[in-house]
């Protein structure tokens, strides 16, 4: 045996939230794990580092938000969270609007000052667009929720850049994740518990995996020796792309990926907000993060901006978002059927289940998987 050298109970593939939580929980139950990670760091896409005293999210801004108190308490055992509330600005060709959609947005767009006036305007535009019944795609859902003006200026261009597809080809549930409020409330999320870890997310994973029963190997590719891993380990937790696990036998699933471009500026405040979305179709990036506004920490007289550029995915890039349209959902069902035949492999996380999860949902799914594992044993 080349890998199973310490009588491990589990091989865990991937050091993101699902894999790290699973490792932490089974180690608490006395099980020994080998956790391997293809990248050179822990935390998956939640990895953060410090630069000029500023916490940088290397894979885009991640704000923790949940209504699940048990999950909130769970992550708080590893680090303290600040009280950050995400309040996004939308920039459409130089005009600024508040997000998510609320009375501030409606006033900025139409000059309306009451919920009744805003609702009437939306109803008027929905009727003019001929939308009746259940919306069939993201475009119809967007117009139905917020009217044509706001959809055209603040949703359409941004969304089509983000997903690389026409809004009429995207499922309606994507926009339903964003709140629509008839109050003057700029809080991007509706959830009760929100914030950012005061020392960045990486600290959570370092503490999770700090156990004599967990061995971690970074820069280690499962697929470089897949057959040996499968043969040697009694149980395997896999958190990568499900189509890659099955050697793309039913074809590639579609993903979206991102490219980031950062710059250091000699000022403490460049854009005045943590996140600004650029919602027109012509601007090549979707949003700009100014990191020091997330926790108000950093060296004097400098700030760091990061621009986020959506990209088509290929096998040389990181997969970020599953594209849950009809075509991909049909292919995923074939892979899902194959996964159900596996007798010693557990698939979990966003890529292995081809689902767009929020962070709290991934932590919760990992805890559920552990409970299920030990109920069966």
Protein backbone atom coordinates (compact mmCIF):
# COMPACT_ATOMS: atom_id res chain seq x y z
CA UNK A 1 0.00 0.00 0.00
CA UNK A 2 1.37 3.40 -0.96
CA UNK A 3 -1.19 5.77 0.53
CA UNK A 4 -3.03 3.89 3.25
CA UNK A 5 -0.01 3.90 5.57
CA UNK A 6 -1.56 4.59 8.99
CA UNK A 7 -4.64 2.39 9.07
CA UNK A 8 -6.82 5.30 7.99
CA UNK A 9 -10.57 5.01 8.29
CA UNK A 10 -11.23 7.68 5.63
CA UNK A 11 -9.64 9.29 2.64
CA UNK A 12 -11.12 12.76 2.18
CA UNK A 13 -10.59 14.44 -1.17
CA UNK A 14 -10.76 18.22 -0.91
CA UNK A 15 -10.03 20.62 1.97
CA UNK A 16 -13.03 22.89 1.43
CA UNK A 17 -15.92 23.24 3.90
CA UNK A 18 -17.50 19.84 3.22
CA UNK A 19 -14.27 17.85 3.39
CA UNK A 20 -12.83 19.74 6.37
CA UNK A 21 -16.07 19.50 8.36
CA UNK A 22 -16.37 15.78 7.66
CA UNK A 23 -12.75 15.23 8.73
CA UNK A 24 -13.19 17.25 11.90
CA UNK A 25 -16.34 15.42 12.92
CA UNK A 26 -15.14 11.88 12.27
CA UNK A 27 -11.88 12.65 14.10
CA UNK A 28 -13.96 13.72 17.11
CA UNK A 29 -15.45 10.23 16.93
CA UNK A 30 -12.02 8.62 17.01
CA UNK A 31 -11.59 7.94 13.29
CA UNK A 32 -8.32 8.53 11.47
CA UNK A 33 -8.37 10.49 8.19
CA UNK A 34 -6.04 11.32 5.37
CA UNK A 35 -7.19 14.54 3.72
CA UNK A 36 -5.69 15.34 0.33
CA UNK A 37 -6.03 18.66 -1.49
CA UNK A 38 -4.96 19.41 -5.06
CA UNK A 39 -4.27 23.06 -4.32
CA UNK A 40 -1.53 24.42 -2.07
CA UNK A 41 -3.85 25.68 0.66
CA UNK A 42 -6.77 24.74 2.91
CA UNK A 43 -10.31 26.09 2.64
CA UNK A 44 -11.14 25.54 -1.01
CA UNK A 45 -12.69 28.69 -2.47
CA UNK A 46 -13.03 30.15 1.04
CA UNK A 47 -9.27 30.58 1.32
CA UNK A 48 -8.16 34.00 2.60
CA UNK A 49 -4.82 35.64 3.24
CA UNK A 50 -3.56 38.92 4.71
CA UNK A 51 -1.83 41.60 2.66
CA UNK A 52 -0.94 45.08 3.95
CA UNK A 53 -3.02 44.21 7.02
CA UNK A 54 -6.08 43.62 4.80
CA UNK A 55 -7.89 40.28 4.57
CA UNK A 56 -8.16 39.20 0.94
CA UNK A 57 -10.66 36.58 -0.24
CA UNK A 58 -8.66 34.86 -2.98
CA UNK A 59 -11.68 33.43 -4.77
CA UNK A 60 -14.18 36.26 -4.50
CA UNK A 61 -16.13 37.75 -1.61
CA UNK A 62 -17.75 35.21 0.71
CA UNK A 63 -20.10 36.56 3.38
CA UNK A 64 -21.42 34.06 5.88
CA UNK A 65 -25.19 34.31 6.31
CA UNK A 66 -27.74 31.88 7.69
CA UNK A 67 -30.95 31.49 9.65
CA UNK A 68 -29.70 28.20 11.07
CA UNK A 69 -28.53 28.98 14.61
CA UNK A 70 -26.95 25.55 15.00
CA UNK A 71 -24.72 26.17 11.98
CA UNK A 72 -23.94 29.71 13.13
CA UNK A 73 -22.90 28.38 16.54
CA UNK A 74 -20.91 25.61 14.85
CA UNK A 75 -18.69 27.93 12.78
CA UNK A 76 -18.32 30.37 15.67
CA UNK A 77 -16.56 27.72 17.74
CA UNK A 78 -13.55 28.04 15.41
CA UNK A 79 -13.29 31.82 15.17
CA UNK A 80 -14.99 35.08 16.12
CA UNK A 81 -17.20 36.74 13.51
CA UNK A 82 -17.68 40.45 13.03
CA UNK A 83 -21.04 42.07 12.39
CA UNK A 84 -20.51 42.82 8.70
CA UNK A 85 -23.72 43.43 6.73
CA UNK A 86 -23.38 43.28 2.96
CA UNK A 87 -24.79 46.39 1.27
CA UNK A 88 -24.07 46.37 -2.44
CA UNK A 89 -23.98 49.30 -4.85
CA UNK A 90 -24.91 48.77 -8.50
CA UNK A 91 -23.20 50.92 -11.12
CA UNK A 92 -25.07 51.08 -14.43
CA UNK A 93 -23.12 53.25 -16.85
CA UNK A 94 -22.19 55.66 -14.06
CA UNK A 95 -25.57 55.77 -12.33
CA UNK A 96 -25.62 54.26 -8.83
CA UNK A 97 -28.39 52.20 -7.24
CA UNK A 98 -28.79 50.24 -4.02
CA UNK A 99 -29.02 46.47 -4.01
CA UNK A 100 -30.77 44.22 -3.30
CA UNK A 101 -34.05 45.54 -4.70
CA UNK A 102 -35.72 47.72 -2.10
CA UNK A 103 -37.44 51.08 -1.71
CA UNK A 104 -34.13 52.90 -2.16
CA UNK A 105 -33.73 51.18 -5.54
CA UNK A 106 -37.30 51.94 -6.56
CA UNK A 107 -36.93 55.60 -5.57
CA UNK A 108 -33.63 55.91 -7.44
CA UNK A 109 -35.14 54.31 -10.55
CA UNK A 110 -38.65 55.80 -10.61
CA UNK A 111 -38.87 58.46 -7.91
CA UNK A 112 -41.60 56.51 -6.08
CA UNK A 113 -41.76 57.03 -2.33
CA UNK A 114 -44.27 54.46 -1.07
CA UNK A 115 -44.50 50.67 -1.28
CA UNK A 116 -47.89 50.97 -3.00
CA UNK A 117 -46.43 53.18 -5.73
CA UNK A 118 -43.49 50.81 -6.27
CA UNK A 119 -45.75 47.77 -6.45
CA UNK A 120 -48.03 49.53 -8.91
CA UNK A 121 -45.08 50.39 -11.15
CA UNK A 122 -43.86 46.79 -11.12
CA UNK A 123 -47.36 45.47 -11.86
CA UNK A 124 -47.69 47.93 -14.76
CA UNK A 125 -44.40 46.79 -16.29
CA UNK A 126 -45.15 43.12 -15.71
CA UNK A 127 -48.46 43.50 -17.54
CA UNK A 128 -46.85 45.46 -20.38
CA UNK A 129 -44.30 42.63 -20.80
CA UNK A 130 -47.14 40.11 -21.10
CA UNK A 131 -45.94 37.94 -18.24
CA UNK A 132 -48.70 35.81 -16.76
CA UNK A 133 -48.57 32.57 -14.84
CA UNK A 134 -45.36 30.94 -13.65
CA UNK A 135 -42.20 32.56 -15.10
CA UNK A 136 -40.45 30.17 -17.49
CA UNK A 137 -36.93 31.57 -17.21
CA UNK A 138 -34.78 34.09 -15.39
CA UNK A 139 -35.82 37.00 -17.59
CA UNK A 140 -39.52 36.45 -16.99
CA UNK A 141 -38.89 35.93 -13.28
CA UNK A 142 -36.87 39.14 -13.06
CA UNK A 143 -39.47 41.30 -14.81
CA UNK A 144 -42.22 39.70 -12.73
CA UNK A 145 -40.40 40.53 -9.47
CA UNK A 146 -38.97 43.99 -10.15
CA UNK A 147 -40.30 45.31 -13.47
CA UNK A 148 -38.66 45.84 -16.83
CA UNK A 149 -36.62 48.98 -16.00
CA UNK A 150 -34.77 47.50 -13.05
CA UNK A 151 -34.38 44.15 -14.78
CA UNK A 152 -32.85 45.73 -17.89
CA UNK A 153 -30.46 48.01 -15.98
CA UNK A 154 -29.48 46.01 -12.89
CA UNK A 155 -30.00 42.33 -13.75
CA UNK A 156 -29.82 41.45 -17.42
CA UNK A 157 -26.27 42.56 -18.29
CA UNK A 158 -24.76 41.41 -15.00
CA UNK A 159 -26.45 38.02 -15.14
CA UNK A 160 -25.57 37.30 -18.75
CA UNK A 161 -21.92 38.20 -18.03
CA UNK A 162 -21.93 36.02 -14.94
CA UNK A 163 -23.37 32.94 -16.59
CA UNK A 164 -22.26 33.39 -20.20
CA UNK A 165 -25.81 32.71 -21.39
CA UNK A 166 -28.89 34.65 -22.32
CA UNK A 167 -31.19 35.27 -19.37
CA UNK A 168 -33.97 33.55 -21.31
CA UNK A 169 -31.87 30.36 -21.21
CA UNK A 170 -31.30 30.43 -17.45
CA UNK A 171 -33.58 28.93 -14.75
CA UNK A 172 -35.75 31.32 -12.80
CA UNK A 173 -34.53 30.20 -9.36
CA UNK A 174 -31.22 32.07 -9.75
CA UNK A 175 -32.80 35.49 -9.25
CA UNK A 176 -35.23 34.26 -6.61
CA UNK A 177 -32.23 33.98 -4.27
CA UNK A 178 -32.11 37.80 -4.08
CA UNK A 179 -34.54 39.55 -1.74
CA UNK A 180 -37.11 42.03 -3.05
CA UNK A 181 -38.26 44.37 -0.30
CA UNK A 182 -40.70 47.20 -0.05
CA UNK A 183 -38.77 48.81 2.80
CA UNK A 184 -35.72 51.09 2.83
CA UNK A 185 -33.38 48.23 3.79
CA UNK A 186 -30.09 47.70 1.92
CA UNK A 187 -29.12 44.48 3.73
CA UNK A 188 -28.24 42.11 0.89
CA UNK A 189 -29.42 39.03 2.78
CA UNK A 190 -32.56 38.27 4.75
CA UNK A 191 -30.77 36.00 7.21
CA UNK A 192 -30.61 36.61 10.94
CA UNK A 193 -26.95 35.65 11.41
CA UNK A 194 -24.37 37.39 9.22
CA UNK A 195 -20.72 38.30 9.32
CA UNK A 196 -17.14 37.56 8.41
CA UNK A 197 -14.47 35.74 10.45
CA UNK A 198 -12.32 38.46 11.98
CA UNK A 199 -9.08 36.73 10.97
CA UNK A 200 -10.31 35.37 7.65
CA UNK A 201 -11.75 31.98 6.73
CA UNK A 202 -8.44 30.11 6.60
CA UNK A 203 -8.24 30.12 10.40
CA UNK A 204 -11.45 28.06 10.56
CA UNK A 205 -9.96 25.28 8.47
CA UNK A 206 -6.65 25.31 10.29
CA UNK A 207 -8.46 24.79 13.59
CA UNK A 208 -10.86 22.20 12.15
CA UNK A 209 -7.99 20.06 10.93
CA UNK A 210 -5.73 20.47 13.96
CA UNK A 211 -5.98 16.88 15.19
CA UNK A 212 -3.57 14.01 15.67
CA UNK A 213 -6.12 11.86 13.81
CA UNK A 214 -6.07 14.01 10.66
CA UNK A 215 -3.15 14.02 8.23
CA UNK A 216 -3.25 16.67 5.50
CA UNK A 217 -1.42 16.50 2.19
CA UNK A 218 -1.56 19.60 0.01
CA UNK A 219 -0.53 19.72 -3.66
CA UNK A 220 -1.88 16.18 -4.01
CA UNK A 221 -4.07 15.23 -6.96
CA UNK A 222 -6.53 12.39 -6.35
CA UNK A 223 -6.70 11.70 -10.08
CA UNK A 224 -2.95 11.18 -10.36
CA UNK A 225 -3.48 7.84 -8.58
CA UNK A 226 -7.25 7.36 -8.43
CA UNK A 227 -7.23 3.56 -8.83
CA UNK A 228 -4.80 3.10 -5.95
CA UNK A 229 -6.77 5.38 -3.64
CA UNK A 230 -10.00 3.56 -4.44
CA UNK A 231 -8.39 0.20 -3.86
CA UNK A 232 -6.62 1.01 -0.61
CA UNK A 233 -9.06 3.04 1.48
CA UNK A 234 -12.13 1.56 3.17
CA UNK A 235 -14.17 4.80 2.91
CA UNK A 236 -13.67 7.83 0.65
CA UNK A 237 -15.27 11.27 0.80
CA UNK A 238 -15.02 13.03 -2.56
CA UNK A 239 -15.81 16.75 -2.97
CA UNK A 240 -14.62 17.48 -6.50
CA UNK A 241 -16.49 17.55 -9.80
CA UNK A 242 -18.80 14.58 -10.18
CA UNK A 243 -18.25 14.30 -13.93
CA UNK A 244 -14.49 14.18 -13.44
CA UNK A 245 -14.85 11.39 -10.87
CA UNK A 246 -16.58 9.28 -13.50
CA UNK A 247 -14.04 10.24 -16.19
CA UNK A 248 -16.64 12.34 -18.04
CA UNK A 249 -18.32 9.15 -19.27
CA UNK A 250 -21.59 10.97 -19.97
CA UNK A 251 -19.84 14.15 -21.15
CA UNK A 252 -18.69 17.31 -19.41
CA UNK A 253 -21.06 19.25 -17.22
CA UNK A 254 -20.94 23.01 -17.70
CA UNK A 255 -19.45 25.26 -15.03
CA UNK A 256 -18.59 28.91 -14.80
CA UNK A 257 -15.25 30.08 -13.53
CA UNK A 258 -13.78 33.42 -12.50
CA UNK A 259 -10.62 35.42 -13.01
CA UNK A 260 -9.49 38.06 -10.52
CA UNK A 261 -7.38 41.15 -11.02
CA UNK A 262 -6.18 43.09 -7.97
CA UNK A 263 -4.46 46.42 -7.50
CA UNK A 264 -2.97 48.26 -4.55
CA UNK A 265 -3.89 51.96 -4.38
CA UNK A 266 -2.36 54.71 -2.18
CA UNK A 267 -5.60 55.64 -0.42
CA UNK A 268 -7.70 54.30 2.43
CA UNK A 269 -10.94 54.54 0.46
CA UNK A 270 -11.21 54.15 -3.30
CA UNK A 271 -14.85 53.26 -4.01
CA UNK A 272 -16.58 53.91 -0.69
CA UNK A 273 -18.18 50.47 -0.45
CA UNK A 274 -17.14 46.86 -0.02
CA UNK A 275 -18.84 45.63 -3.21
CA UNK A 276 -19.86 47.50 -6.34
CA UNK A 277 -21.60 45.57 -9.11
CA UNK A 278 -21.14 46.72 -12.70
CA UNK A 279 -24.43 45.77 -14.29
CA UNK A 280 -24.08 46.93 -17.90
CA UNK A 281 -23.19 44.38 -20.56
CA UNK A 282 -20.18 46.29 -21.87
CA UNK A 283 -18.02 46.39 -18.73
CA UNK A 284 -16.09 43.10 -18.79
CA UNK A 285 -16.04 42.55 -15.02
CA UNK A 286 -19.09 41.97 -12.85
CA UNK A 287 -18.02 43.49 -9.57
CA UNK A 288 -15.24 45.23 -7.68
CA UNK A 289 -14.41 44.38 -4.07
CA UNK A 290 -12.60 46.84 -1.81
CA UNK A 291 -11.42 44.51 0.91
CA UNK A 292 -10.72 46.87 3.78
CA UNK A 293 -14.41 47.86 3.86
CA UNK A 294 -15.32 44.29 4.87
CA UNK A 295 -13.66 44.54 8.29
CA UNK A 296 -12.23 48.09 8.48
CA UNK A 297 -8.70 46.73 8.93
CA UNK A 298 -5.53 47.48 7.01
CA UNK A 299 -2.37 49.55 6.85
CA UNK A 300 -2.79 53.31 6.74
CA UNK A 301 -3.06 55.00 3.34
CA UNK A 302 -3.47 51.86 1.20
CA UNK A 303 -6.41 49.89 -0.13
CA UNK A 304 -6.74 46.84 -2.37
CA UNK A 305 -9.37 46.48 -5.10
CA UNK A 306 -10.17 43.21 -6.85
CA UNK A 307 -12.12 43.03 -10.11
CA UNK A 308 -14.01 39.83 -10.84
CA UNK A 309 -14.23 38.59 -14.43
CA UNK A 310 -16.51 35.65 -15.27
CA UNK A 311 -15.12 33.11 -17.73
CA UNK A 312 -16.06 29.99 -19.59
CA UNK A 313 -14.77 26.89 -17.85
CA UNK A 314 -12.41 24.33 -19.27
CA UNK A 315 -10.38 21.57 -17.63
CA UNK A 316 -7.42 23.90 -17.00
CA UNK A 317 -9.51 26.22 -14.78
CA UNK A 318 -11.20 26.07 -11.39
CA UNK A 319 -14.91 25.24 -11.53
CA UNK A 320 -16.95 27.71 -9.47
CA UNK A 321 -20.62 27.52 -10.34
CA UNK A 322 -22.69 24.66 -11.77
CA UNK A 323 -24.95 25.71 -14.64
CA UNK A 324 -28.25 24.09 -13.65
CA UNK A 325 -30.10 24.41 -16.93
CA UNK A 326 -32.16 21.60 -18.47
CA UNK A 327 -29.31 20.14 -20.52
CA UNK A 328 -26.88 19.95 -17.61
CA UNK A 329 -29.52 18.73 -15.18
CA UNK A 330 -30.23 15.80 -17.49
CA UNK A 331 -26.53 14.90 -17.70
CA UNK A 332 -26.12 15.27 -13.94
CA UNK A 333 -28.95 12.80 -13.33
CA UNK A 334 -26.92 10.19 -15.21
CA UNK A 335 -23.91 10.82 -13.00
CA UNK A 336 -26.13 10.84 -9.92
CA UNK A 337 -27.43 7.40 -10.84
CA UNK A 338 -23.84 6.15 -11.12
CA UNK A 339 -22.98 7.67 -7.74
CA UNK A 340 -25.80 5.78 -6.08
CA UNK A 341 -24.13 2.52 -7.10
CA UNK A 342 -20.94 3.34 -5.18
CA UNK A 343 -20.55 1.32 -2.01
CA UNK A 344 -17.70 3.10 -0.24
CA UNK A 345 -17.59 6.61 -1.71
CA UNK A 346 -19.51 9.58 -0.28
CA UNK A 347 -19.97 12.55 -2.61
CA UNK A 348 -20.51 15.97 -1.07
CA UNK A 349 -20.16 19.69 -1.65
CA UNK A 350 -21.10 22.04 -4.47
CA UNK A 351 -19.19 20.32 -7.26
CA UNK A 352 -19.86 16.70 -6.31
CA UNK A 353 -23.61 17.32 -6.05
CA UNK A 354 -23.73 19.92 -8.86
CA UNK A 355 -25.70 22.35 -6.72
CA UNK A 356 -25.38 26.07 -6.07
CA UNK A 357 -25.01 26.02 -2.28
CA UNK A 358 -24.51 28.86 0.14
CA UNK A 359 -21.76 28.27 2.70
CA UNK A 360 -24.07 27.43 5.56
CA UNK A 361 -25.74 24.77 3.43
CA UNK A 362 -22.40 23.07 2.76
CA UNK A 363 -21.46 22.94 6.44
CA UNK A 364 -24.92 21.61 7.23
CA UNK A 365 -24.74 18.97 4.49
CA UNK A 366 -21.40 17.73 5.81
CA UNK A 367 -22.79 17.40 9.35
CA UNK A 368 -25.81 15.51 8.01
CA UNK A 369 -23.50 13.19 6.04
CA UNK A 370 -21.50 12.41 9.18
CA UNK A 371 -24.63 11.65 11.17
CA UNK A 372 -25.86 9.37 8.41
CA UNK A 373 -22.47 7.64 8.25
CA UNK A 374 -22.47 6.79 11.93
CA UNK A 375 -26.10 5.76 12.03
CA UNK A 376 -25.26 3.13 9.42
CA UNK A 377 -22.09 1.89 11.13
